[in-house]
PDB file of N, CA and C in Angstrom:
ATOM      1  N   MET A   1     107.303  79.573 105.804  1.00  0.00           N
ATOM      2  CA  MET A   1     106.275  80.603 105.883  1.00  0.00           C
ATOM      3  C   MET A   1     106.742  81.699 106.845  1.00  0.00           C
ATOM      4  N   ALA A   2     106.418  82.920 106.540  1.00  0.00           N
ATOM      5  CA  ALA A   2     106.813  84.055 107.378  1.00  0.00           C
ATOM      6  C   ALA A   2     106.079  84.030 108.709  1.00  0.00           C
ATOM      7  N   ASP A   3     106.807  84.436 109.759  1.00  0.00           N
ATOM      8  CA  ASP A   3     106.133  84.512 111.053  1.00  0.00           C
ATOM      9  C   ASP A   3     105.284  85.781 111.117  1.00  0.00           C
ATOM     10  N   SER A   4     104.426  85.858 112.119  1.00  0.00           N
ATOM     11  CA  SER A   4     103.470  86.967 112.184  1.00  0.00           C
ATOM     12  C   SER A   4     104.155  88.314 112.362  1.00  0.00           C
ATOM     13  N   GLU A   5     105.259  88.375 113.099  1.00  0.00           N
ATOM     14  CA  GLU A   5     105.970  89.651 113.272  1.00  0.00           C
ATOM     15  C   GLU A   5     106.615  90.106 111.962  1.00  0.00           C
ATOM     16  N   GLU A   6     107.181  89.170 111.219  1.00  0.00           N
ATOM     17  CA  GLU A   6     107.785  89.503 109.925  1.00  0.00           C
ATOM     18  C   GLU A   6     106.718  89.990 108.957  1.00  0.00           C
ATOM     19  N   ARG A   7     105.577  89.308 108.943  1.00  0.00           N
ATOM     20  CA  ARG A   7     104.465  89.708 108.069  1.00  0.00           C
ATOM     21  C   ARG A   7     103.951  91.093 108.457  1.00  0.00           C
ATOM     22  N   LYS A   8     103.824  91.348 109.761  1.00  0.00           N
ATOM     23  CA  LYS A   8     103.344  92.651 110.233  1.00  0.00           C
ATOM     24  C   LYS A   8     104.301  93.751 109.790  1.00  0.00           C
ATOM     25  N   ARG A   9     105.603  93.531 109.961  1.00  0.00           N
ATOM     26  CA  ARG A   9     106.589  94.531 109.541  1.00  0.00           C
ATOM     27  C   ARG A   9     106.531  94.759 108.031  1.00  0.00           C
ATOM     28  N   ALA A  10     106.389  93.690 107.278  1.00  0.00           N
ATOM     29  CA  ALA A  10     106.325  93.808 105.819  1.00  0.00           C
ATOM     30  C   ALA A  10     105.122  94.643 105.390  1.00  0.00           C
ATOM     31  N   TYR A  11     103.962  94.406 106.022  1.00  0.00           N
ATOM     32  CA  TYR A  11     102.779  95.196 105.681  1.00  0.00           C
ATOM     33  C   TYR A  11     102.932  96.654 106.120  1.00  0.00           C
ATOM     34  N   GLU A  12     103.611  96.910 107.221  1.00  0.00           N
ATOM     35  CA  GLU A  12     103.874  98.289 107.638  1.00  0.00           C
ATOM     36  C   GLU A  12     104.761  98.993 106.619  1.00  0.00           C
ATOM     37  N   GLU A  13     105.768  98.291 106.106  1.00  0.00           N
ATOM     38  CA  GLU A  13     106.640  98.866 105.086  1.00  0.00           C
ATOM     39  C   GLU A  13     105.877  99.107 103.788  1.00  0.00           C
ATOM     40  N   LEU A  14     105.007  98.176 103.425  1.00  0.00           N
ATOM     41  CA  LEU A  14     104.196  98.341 102.223  1.00  0.00           C
ATOM     42  C   LEU A  14     103.239  99.515 102.382  1.00  0.00           C
ATOM     43  N   ASP A  15     102.651  99.664 103.560  1.00  0.00           N
ATOM     44  CA  ASP A  15     101.758 100.791 103.833  1.00  0.00           C
ATOM     45  C   ASP A  15     102.498 102.113 103.666  1.00  0.00           C
ATOM     46  N   ALA A  16     103.719 102.193 104.183  1.00  0.00           N
ATOM     47  CA  ALA A  16     104.520 103.410 104.052  1.00  0.00           C
ATOM     48  C   ALA A  16     104.865 103.682 102.586  1.00  0.00           C
ATOM     49  N   ALA A  17     105.175 102.628 101.834  1.00  0.00           N
ATOM     50  CA  ALA A  17     105.505 102.802 100.415  1.00  0.00           C
ATOM     51  C   ALA A  17     104.296 103.286  99.620  1.00  0.00           C
ATOM     52  N   VAL A  18     103.122 102.717  99.891  1.00  0.00           N
ATOM     53  CA  VAL A  18     101.905 103.141  99.194  1.00  0.00           C
ATOM     54  C   VAL A  18     101.619 104.614  99.499  1.00  0.00           C
ATOM     55  N   ALA A  19     101.729 105.004 100.764  1.00  0.00           N
ATOM     56  CA  ALA A  19     101.494 106.404 101.146  1.00  0.00           C
ATOM     57  C   ALA A  19     102.490 107.328 100.466  1.00  0.00           C
ATOM     58  N   LYS A  20     103.738 106.899 100.379  1.00  0.00           N
ATOM     59  CA  LYS A  20     104.761 107.734  99.743  1.00  0.00           C
ATOM     60  C   LYS A  20     104.476 107.928  98.259  1.00  0.00           C
ATOM     61  N   VAL A  21     104.149 106.842  97.562  1.00  0.00           N
ATOM     62  CA  VAL A  21     103.847 106.940  96.137  1.00  0.00           C
ATOM     63  C   VAL A  21     102.609 107.798  95.915  1.00  0.00           C
ATOM     64  N   ALA A  22     101.572 107.596  96.714  1.00  0.00           N
ATOM     65  CA  ALA A  22     100.350 108.399  96.575  1.00  0.00           C
ATOM     66  C   ALA A  22     100.644 109.864  96.850  1.00  0.00           C
ATOM     67  N   GLY A  23     101.530 110.153  97.805  1.00  0.00           N
ATOM     68  CA  GLY A  23     101.891 111.530  98.112  1.00  0.00           C
ATOM     69  C   GLY A  23     102.620 112.221  96.982  1.00  0.00           C
ATOM     70  N   LEU A  24     103.335 111.477  96.181  1.00  0.00           N
ATOM     71  CA  LEU A  24     104.046 112.061  95.041  1.00  0.00           C
ATOM     72  C   LEU A  24     103.083 112.594  93.999  1.00  0.00           C
ATOM     73  N   ARG A  25     101.884 112.044  93.963  1.00  0.00           N
ATOM     74  CA  ARG A  25     100.889 112.523  92.999  1.00  0.00           C
ATOM     75  C   ARG A  25     100.339 113.883  93.388  1.00  0.00           C
ATOM     76  N   ASP A  26     100.588 114.353  94.603  1.00  0.00           N
ATOM     77  CA  ASP A  26     100.075 115.653  95.022  1.00  0.00           C
ATOM     78  C   ASP A  26     100.627 116.797  94.179  1.00  0.00           C
ATOM     79  N   ASP A  27     101.690 116.548  93.428  1.00  0.00           N
ATOM     80  CA  ASP A  27     102.247 117.584  92.566  1.00  0.00           C
ATOM     81  C   ASP A  27     101.421 117.784  91.302  1.00  0.00           C
ATOM     82  N   ASP A  28     100.551 116.832  90.982  1.00  0.00           N
ATOM     83  CA  ASP A  28      99.683 116.985  89.817  1.00  0.00           C
ATOM     84  C   ASP A  28      98.712 118.133  90.069  1.00  0.00           C
ATOM     85  N   ASP A  29      98.443 118.923  89.048  1.00  0.00           N
ATOM     86  CA  ASP A  29      97.605 120.114  89.204  1.00  0.00           C
ATOM     87  C   ASP A  29      96.247 119.827  89.837  1.00  0.00           C
ATOM     88  N   ASP A  30      95.541 118.823  89.310  1.00  0.00           N
ATOM     89  CA  ASP A  30      94.184 118.585  89.796  1.00  0.00           C
ATOM     90  C   ASP A  30      94.165 117.942  91.183  1.00  0.00           C
ATOM     91  N   ILE A  31      95.230 117.257  91.572  1.00  0.00           N
ATOM     92  CA  ILE A  31      95.264 116.631  92.886  1.00  0.00           C
ATOM     93  C   ILE A  31      95.783 117.602  93.946  1.00  0.00           C
ATOM     94  N   ALA A  32      96.666 118.509  93.551  1.00  0.00           N
ATOM     95  CA  ALA A  32      97.242 119.455  94.509  1.00  0.00           C
ATOM     96  C   ALA A  32      96.161 120.316  95.156  1.00  0.00           C
ATOM     97  N   GLU A  33      95.108 120.628  94.406  1.00  0.00           N
ATOM     98  CA  GLU A  33      94.024 121.443  94.936  1.00  0.00           C
ATOM     99  C   GLU A  33      93.245 120.711  96.021  1.00  0.00           C
ATOM    100  N   PHE A  34      93.159 119.385  95.901  1.00  0.00           N
ATOM    101  CA  PHE A  34      92.420 118.569  96.861  1.00  0.00           C
ATOM    102  C   PHE A  34      93.325 117.427  97.342  1.00  0.00           C
ATOM    103  N   PRO A  35      94.266 117.717  98.245  1.00  0.00           N
ATOM    104  CA  PRO A  35      95.190 116.673  98.693  1.00  0.00           C
ATOM    105  C   PRO A  35      94.436 115.497  99.311  1.00  0.00           C
ATOM    106  N   GLU A  36      94.950 114.325  99.079  1.00  0.00           N
ATOM    107  CA  GLU A  36      94.268 113.123  99.539  1.00  0.00           C
ATOM    108  C   GLU A  36      95.050 112.440 100.654  1.00  0.00           C
ATOM    109  N   THR A  37      94.349 111.646 101.410  1.00  0.00           N
ATOM    110  CA  THR A  37      94.944 110.796 102.436  1.00  0.00           C
ATOM    111  C   THR A  37      94.550 109.372 102.104  1.00  0.00           C
ATOM    112  N   VAL A  38      95.531 108.509 101.961  1.00  0.00           N
ATOM    113  CA  VAL A  38      95.249 107.119 101.652  1.00  0.00           C
ATOM    114  C   VAL A  38      94.630 106.463 102.888  1.00  0.00           C
ATOM    115  N   THR A  39      93.432 105.940 102.725  1.00  0.00           N
ATOM    116  CA  THR A  39      92.757 105.264 103.832  1.00  0.00           C
ATOM    117  C   THR A  39      92.646 103.760 103.592  1.00  0.00           C
ATOM    118  N   ASP A  40      92.621 103.352 102.345  1.00  0.00           N
ATOM    119  CA  ASP A  40      92.487 101.943 101.994  1.00  0.00           C
ATOM    120  C   ASP A  40      93.344 101.680 100.767  1.00  0.00           C
ATOM    121  N   TRP A  41      93.820 100.455 100.633  1.00  0.00           N
ATOM    122  CA  TRP A  41      94.531 100.061  99.425  1.00  0.00           C
ATOM    123  C   TRP A  41      94.518  98.550  99.286  1.00  0.00           C
ATOM    124  N   VAL A  42      94.803  98.117  98.070  1.00  0.00           N
ATOM    125  CA  VAL A  42      94.966  96.693  97.786  1.00  0.00           C
ATOM    126  C   VAL A  42      96.018  96.583  96.687  1.00  0.00           C
ATOM    127  N   VAL A  43      96.943  95.673  96.844  1.00  0.00           N
ATOM    128  CA  VAL A  43      97.973  95.415  95.846  1.00  0.00           C
ATOM    129  C   VAL A  43      97.651  94.071  95.200  1.00  0.00           C
ATOM    130  N   ILE A  44      97.688  94.045  93.876  1.00  0.00           N
ATOM    131  CA  ILE A  44      97.457  92.819  93.126  1.00  0.00           C
ATOM    132  C   ILE A  44      98.800  92.412  92.525  1.00  0.00           C
ATOM    133  N   THR A  45      99.187  91.161  92.728  1.00  0.00           N
ATOM    134  CA  THR A  45     100.424  90.670  92.138  1.00  0.00           C
ATOM    135  C   THR A  45     100.119  89.484  91.234  1.00  0.00           C
ATOM    136  N   GLY A  46     100.911  89.340  90.215  1.00  0.00           N
ATOM    137  CA  GLY A  46     100.828  88.189  89.328  1.00  0.00           C
ATOM    138  C   GLY A  46     102.153  87.454  89.359  1.00  0.00           C
ATOM    139  N   SER A  47     102.092  86.159  89.536  1.00  0.00           N
ATOM    140  CA  SER A  47     103.299  85.334  89.569  1.00  0.00           C
ATOM    141  C   SER A  47     103.154  84.192  88.578  1.00  0.00           C
ATOM    142  N   GLN A  48     104.272  83.779  88.005  1.00  0.00           N
ATOM    143  CA  GLN A  48     104.252  82.640  87.094  1.00  0.00           C
ATOM    144  C   GLN A  48     105.251  81.597  87.569  1.00  0.00           C
ATOM    145  N   PHE A  49     104.959  80.354  87.242  1.00  0.00           N
ATOM    146  CA  PHE A  49     105.859  79.258  87.560  1.00  0.00           C
ATOM    147  C   PHE A  49     105.625  78.134  86.559  1.00  0.00           C
ATOM    148  N   PHE A  50     106.520  77.167  86.571  1.00  0.00           N
ATOM    149  CA  PHE A  50     106.374  75.999  85.713  1.00  0.00           C
ATOM    150  C   PHE A  50     106.071  74.790  86.591  1.00  0.00           C
ATOM    151  N   ASP A  51     105.054  74.033  86.211  1.00  0.00           N
ATOM    152  CA  ASP A  51     104.702  72.846  87.000  1.00  0.00           C
ATOM    153  C   ASP A  51     105.627  71.683  86.646  1.00  0.00           C
ATOM    154  N   ASP A  52     105.380  70.536  87.232  1.00  0.00           N
ATOM    155  CA  ASP A  52     106.240  69.367  87.032  1.00  0.00           C
ATOM    156  C   ASP A  52     106.269  68.890  85.582  1.00  0.00           C
ATOM    157  N   ASP A  53     105.231  69.194  84.816  1.00  0.00           N
ATOM    158  CA  ASP A  53     105.192  68.801  83.401  1.00  0.00           C
ATOM    159  C   ASP A  53     105.818  69.851  82.496  1.00  0.00           C
ATOM    160  N   GLY A  54     106.305  70.952  83.081  1.00  0.00           N
ATOM    161  CA  GLY A  54     106.907  72.023  82.289  1.00  0.00           C
ATOM    162  C   GLY A  54     105.908  73.020  81.754  1.00  0.00           C
ATOM    163  N   ASP A  55     104.642  72.878  82.150  1.00  0.00           N
ATOM    164  CA  ASP A  55     103.613  73.824  81.714  1.00  0.00           C
ATOM    165  C   ASP A  55     103.675  75.090  82.551  1.00  0.00           C
ATOM    166  N   ARG A  56     103.475  76.203  81.878  1.00  0.00           N
ATOM    167  CA  ARG A  56     103.472  77.480  82.588  1.00  0.00           C
ATOM    168  C   ARG A  56     102.133  77.663  83.281  1.00  0.00           C
ATOM    169  N   ALA A  57     102.190  78.111  84.511  1.00  0.00           N
ATOM    170  CA  ALA A  57     100.974  78.367  85.286  1.00  0.00           C
ATOM    171  C   ALA A  57     101.152  79.710  85.992  1.00  0.00           C
ATOM    172  N   GLY A  58     100.081  80.223  86.517  1.00  0.00           N
ATOM    173  CA  GLY A  58     100.159  81.520  87.185  1.00  0.00           C
ATOM    174  C   GLY A  58      99.216  81.636  88.349  1.00  0.00           C
ATOM    175  N   VAL A  59      99.529  82.591  89.188  1.00  0.00           N
ATOM    176  CA  VAL A  59      98.740  82.854  90.381  1.00  0.00           C
ATOM    177  C   VAL A  59      98.569  84.361  90.505  1.00  0.00           C
ATOM    178  N   VAL A  60      97.381  84.787  90.849  1.00  0.00           N
ATOM    179  CA  VAL A  60      97.125  86.187  91.176  1.00  0.00           C
ATOM    180  C   VAL A  60      96.892  86.257  92.675  1.00  0.00           C
ATOM    181  N   SER A  61      97.626  87.138  93.330  1.00  0.00           N
ATOM    182  CA  SER A  61      97.477  87.315  94.776  1.00  0.00           C
ATOM    183  C   SER A  61      96.891  88.682  95.074  1.00  0.00           C
ATOM    184  N   VAL A  62      96.018  88.727  96.060  1.00  0.00           N
ATOM    185  CA  VAL A  62      95.395  89.972  96.511  1.00  0.00           C
ATOM    186  C   VAL A  62      95.947  90.267  97.900  1.00  0.00           C
ATOM    187  N   LEU A  63      96.593  91.421  98.042  1.00  0.00           N
ATOM    188  CA  LEU A  63      97.199  91.826  99.308  1.00  0.00           C
ATOM    189  C   LEU A  63      96.474  93.066  99.826  1.00  0.00           C
ATOM    190  N   PRO A  64      95.482  92.899 100.693  1.00  0.00           N
ATOM    191  CA  PRO A  64      94.759  94.060 101.234  1.00  0.00           C
ATOM    192  C   PRO A  64      95.580  94.772 102.307  1.00  0.00           C
ATOM    193  N   ARG A  65      95.240  96.006 102.556  1.00  0.00           N
ATOM    194  CA  ARG A  65      95.944  96.801 103.563  1.00  0.00           C
ATOM    195  C   ARG A  65      95.951  96.060 104.903  1.00  0.00           C
ATOM    196  N   HIS A  66      97.075  96.070 105.558  1.00  0.00           N
ATOM    197  CA  HIS A  66      97.293  95.406 106.849  1.00  0.00           C
ATOM    198  C   HIS A  66      97.122  93.890 106.774  1.00  0.00           C
ATOM    199  N   GLY A  67      97.015  93.329 105.569  1.00  0.00           N
ATOM    200  CA  GLY A  67      96.815  91.894 105.426  1.00  0.00           C
ATOM    201  C   GLY A  67      95.363  91.475 105.524  1.00  0.00           C
ATOM    202  N   SER A  68      94.522  92.394 105.955  1.00  0.00           N
ATOM    203  CA  SER A  68      93.101  92.094 106.088  1.00  0.00           C
ATOM    204  C   SER A  68      92.333  93.401 106.202  1.00  0.00           C
ATOM    205  N   GLN A  69      91.279  93.502 105.450  1.00  0.00           N
ATOM    206  CA  GLN A  69      90.367  94.642 105.569  1.00  0.00           C
ATOM    207  C   GLN A  69      89.007  94.144 105.138  1.00  0.00           C
ATOM    208  N   PRO A  70      87.937  94.858 105.479  1.00  0.00           N
ATOM    209  CA  PRO A  70      86.612  94.377 105.097  1.00  0.00           C
ATOM    210  C   PRO A  70      86.540  94.093 103.595  1.00  0.00           C
ATOM    211  N   ALA A  71      85.915  92.988 103.250  1.00  0.00           N
ATOM    212  CA  ALA A  71      85.835  92.570 101.850  1.00  0.00           C
ATOM    213  C   ALA A  71      85.170  93.630 100.972  1.00  0.00           C
ATOM    214  N   PHE A  72      84.195  94.366 101.517  1.00  0.00           N
ATOM    215  CA  PHE A  72      83.519  95.372 100.689  1.00  0.00           C
ATOM    216  C   PHE A  72      84.476  96.495 100.298  1.00  0.00           C
ATOM    217  N   ILE A  73      85.484  96.751 101.104  1.00  0.00           N
ATOM    218  CA  ILE A  73      86.481  97.769 100.752  1.00  0.00           C
ATOM    219  C   ILE A  73      87.372  97.246  99.636  1.00  0.00           C
ATOM    220  N   THR A  74      87.920  96.044  99.827  1.00  0.00           N
ATOM    221  CA  THR A  74      88.787  95.462  98.804  1.00  0.00           C
ATOM    222  C   THR A  74      88.043  95.312  97.490  1.00  0.00           C
ATOM    223  N   ALA A  75      86.827  94.757  97.530  1.00  0.00           N
ATOM    224  CA  ALA A  75      86.038  94.565  96.315  1.00  0.00           C
ATOM    225  C   ALA A  75      85.703  95.906  95.664  1.00  0.00           C
ATOM    226  N   GLY A  76      85.385  96.910  96.470  1.00  0.00           N
ATOM    227  CA  GLY A  76      85.081  98.231  95.928  1.00  0.00           C
ATOM    228  C   GLY A  76      86.272  98.861  95.233  1.00  0.00           C
ATOM    229  N   LEU A  77      87.449  98.728  95.824  1.00  0.00           N
ATOM    230  CA  LEU A  77      88.665  99.254  95.188  1.00  0.00           C
ATOM    231  C   LEU A  77      88.936  98.551  93.865  1.00  0.00           C
ATOM    232  N   LEU A  78      88.795  97.241  93.863  1.00  0.00           N
ATOM    233  CA  LEU A  78      89.021  96.478  92.633  1.00  0.00           C
ATOM    234  C   LEU A  78      88.007  96.857  91.560  1.00  0.00           C
ATOM    235  N   GLN A  79      86.741  97.018  91.942  1.00  0.00           N
ATOM    236  CA  GLN A  79      85.700  97.382  90.977  1.00  0.00           C
ATOM    237  C   GLN A  79      85.967  98.760  90.382  1.00  0.00           C
ATOM    238  N   GLN A  80      86.350  99.709  91.230  1.00  0.00           N
ATOM    239  CA  GLN A  80      86.651 101.051  90.729  1.00  0.00           C
ATOM    240  C   GLN A  80      87.834 101.034  89.772  1.00  0.00           C
ATOM    241  N   ALA A  81      88.869 100.248  90.111  1.00  0.00           N
ATOM    242  CA  ALA A  81      90.036 100.152  89.236  1.00  0.00           C
ATOM    243  C   ALA A  81      89.663  99.531  87.896  1.00  0.00           C
ATOM    244  N   LEU A  82      88.864  98.462  87.928  1.00  0.00           N
ATOM    245  CA  LEU A  82      88.426  97.825  86.683  1.00  0.00           C
ATOM    246  C   LEU A  82      87.582  98.778  85.852  1.00  0.00           C
ATOM    247  N   SER A  83      86.713  99.524  86.498  1.00  0.00           N
ATOM    248  CA  SER A  83      85.889 100.495  85.772  1.00  0.00           C
ATOM    249  C   SER A  83      86.758 101.574  85.136  1.00  0.00           C
ATOM    250  N   HIS A  84      87.744 102.020  85.868  1.00  0.00           N
ATOM    251  CA  HIS A  84      88.660 103.059  85.355  1.00  0.00           C
ATOM    252  C   HIS A  84      89.374 102.564  84.101  1.00  0.00           C
ATOM    253  N   TYR A  85      89.900 101.359  84.158  1.00  0.00           N
ATOM    254  CA  TYR A  85      90.679 100.847  83.040  1.00  0.00           C
ATOM    255  C   TYR A  85      89.829 100.336  81.888  1.00  0.00           C
ATOM    256  N   SER A  86      88.534 100.117  82.118  1.00  0.00           N
ATOM    257  CA  SER A  86      87.666  99.692  81.031  1.00  0.00           C
ATOM    258  C   SER A  86      86.947 100.886  80.408  1.00  0.00           C
ATOM    259  N   GLY A  87      87.227 102.085  80.900  1.00  0.00           N
ATOM    260  CA  GLY A  87      86.634 103.281  80.325  1.00  0.00           C
ATOM    261  C   GLY A  87      85.331 103.701  80.952  1.00  0.00           C
ATOM    262  N   ASN A  88      84.859 102.984  81.957  1.00  0.00           N
ATOM    263  CA  ASN A  88      83.642 103.360  82.659  1.00  0.00           C
ATOM    264  C   ASN A  88      84.006 104.244  83.838  1.00  0.00           C
ATOM    265  N   THR A  89      83.097 105.077  84.265  1.00  0.00           N
ATOM    266  CA  THR A  89      83.381 105.969  85.386  1.00  0.00           C
ATOM    267  C   THR A  89      83.108 105.315  86.723  1.00  0.00           C
ATOM    268  N   GLY A  90      82.330 104.265  86.764  1.00  0.00           N
ATOM    269  CA  GLY A  90      81.979 103.644  88.060  1.00  0.00           C
ATOM    270  C   GLY A  90      81.009 104.522  88.811  1.00  0.00           C
ATOM    271  N   SER A  91      80.792 104.176  90.055  1.00  0.00           N
ATOM    272  CA  SER A  91      79.869 105.002  90.862  1.00  0.00           C
ATOM    273  C   SER A  91      80.473 105.310  92.191  1.00  0.00           C
TER     274      SER A  91
END
């Protein structure tokens, strides 16, 4: 298992990567007019593995900003993303 300093550094690097990717979107016409600052984020990962019987299994991991953020922020981000991809506008 990663030690706390390694985990902290990894989340700092992830935070910088998220900010960099979000900053690249500022070139889009509608976003350039209203530049944004990333204040919250959550990364969702999917992993697969084979168990001892050879059956495929999977795990979904939720990685909130800094490794921890208020649940209402993480849940709100996930809900907005789901609404976006399901064609709903959300609130």
